[in-house]
Amino acid sequence: MPDLSARYDGKPVLRLLDSYVLDAIGALDEKTVQGNTILAPKIAQALKVEADTWQRAVELSMDLPEDSIVELRARRQ
């Protein structure tokens, strides 16, 4: 089986975007949730945005609407 994590090599924003979508649909593992929550200030700094949560940092850095998580959840159901 191929190493699927290799797809993130050199692409930290892709990893965050995947985490964002997985979090929105309730499929993000707890370890990643906790890690991203702890690293939220550093994630926001790296993405050059001002945000209180890592999810909001992703939204701002990608110009996503604030209600993107709600929309993703609604489409999942």
Protein backbone atom coordinates (compact mmCIF):
# COMPACT_ATOMS: atom_id res chain seq x y z
CA MET A 1 0.00 0.00 0.00
CA PRO A 2 1.43 3.42 -0.92
CA ASP A 3 2.30 5.97 1.75
CA LEU A 4 -0.56 8.44 1.41
CA SER A 5 1.11 10.97 3.72
CA ALA A 6 3.76 11.49 1.01
CA ARG A 7 1.22 13.57 -0.92
CA TYR A 8 1.76 16.31 1.68
CA ASP A 9 5.53 16.48 1.25
CA GLY A 10 6.41 20.12 0.70
CA LYS A 11 2.70 21.08 0.76
CA PRO A 12 1.77 22.13 4.30
CA VAL A 13 -1.22 24.16 3.12
CA LEU A 14 -2.68 21.09 1.40
CA ARG A 15 -2.43 19.21 4.70
CA LEU A 16 -4.25 22.06 6.47
CA LEU A 17 -6.94 22.25 3.79
CA ASP A 18 -7.52 18.50 4.00
CA SER A 19 -7.69 18.80 7.79
CA TYR A 20 -10.17 21.65 7.45
CA VAL A 21 -12.51 19.60 5.25
CA LEU A 22 -12.18 16.48 7.39
CA ASP A 23 -12.87 18.56 10.51
CA ALA A 24 -15.94 20.10 8.87
CA ILE A 25 -17.44 16.69 8.16
CA GLY A 26 -16.45 15.27 11.55
CA ALA A 27 -13.82 12.88 10.19
CA LEU A 28 -10.60 14.47 11.46
CA ASP A 29 -8.73 12.32 13.95
CA GLU A 30 -8.47 13.61 17.52
CA LYS A 31 -4.67 13.76 17.47
CA THR A 32 -4.72 16.16 14.52
CA VAL A 33 -7.53 18.21 16.05
CA GLN A 34 -5.54 18.64 19.25
CA GLY A 35 -2.29 19.38 17.43
CA ASN A 36 -3.84 21.96 15.13
CA THR A 37 -5.64 23.59 18.05
CA ILE A 38 -2.41 23.92 20.02
CA LEU A 39 -0.58 25.21 16.94
CA ALA A 40 -3.36 27.62 15.89
CA PRO A 41 -1.33 30.79 16.65
CA LYS A 42 1.66 29.46 14.69
CA ILE A 43 -0.56 28.31 11.82
CA ALA A 44 -2.11 31.78 11.59
CA GLN A 45 1.33 33.36 11.69
CA ALA A 46 2.66 31.04 8.97
CA LEU A 47 -0.37 31.80 6.79
CA LYS A 48 0.06 35.52 7.50
CA VAL A 49 -3.45 36.04 8.84
CA GLU A 50 -4.97 37.07 12.15
CA ALA A 51 -7.21 34.29 13.41
CA ASP A 52 -8.23 32.75 16.73
CA THR A 53 -8.56 29.20 15.38
CA TRP A 54 -6.65 27.16 12.86
CA GLN A 55 -9.89 26.69 10.91
CA ARG A 56 -10.37 30.44 10.60
CA ALA A 57 -6.72 30.82 9.59
CA VAL A 58 -7.32 28.40 6.71
CA GLU A 59 -10.49 30.25 5.70
CA LEU A 60 -8.75 33.62 5.68
CA SER A 61 -5.65 32.43 3.87
CA MET A 62 -7.75 30.82 1.12
CA ASP A 63 -10.43 33.52 0.95
CA LEU A 64 -13.12 31.04 2.00
CA PRO A 65 -16.42 32.36 3.32
CA GLU A 66 -16.79 32.28 7.11
CA ASP A 67 -19.64 29.79 6.81
CA SER A 68 -17.64 27.27 4.77
CA ILE A 69 -17.64 24.72 7.58
CA VAL A 70 -21.42 24.97 7.90
CA GLU A 71 -21.80 24.59 4.14
CA LEU A 72 -19.52 21.55 4.02
CA ARG A 73 -21.43 19.90 6.85
CA ALA A 74 -24.75 20.59 5.13
CA ARG A 75 -23.53 19.05 1.86
CA ARG A 76 -22.24 16.00 3.72
CA GLN A 77 -25.69 15.11 5.05
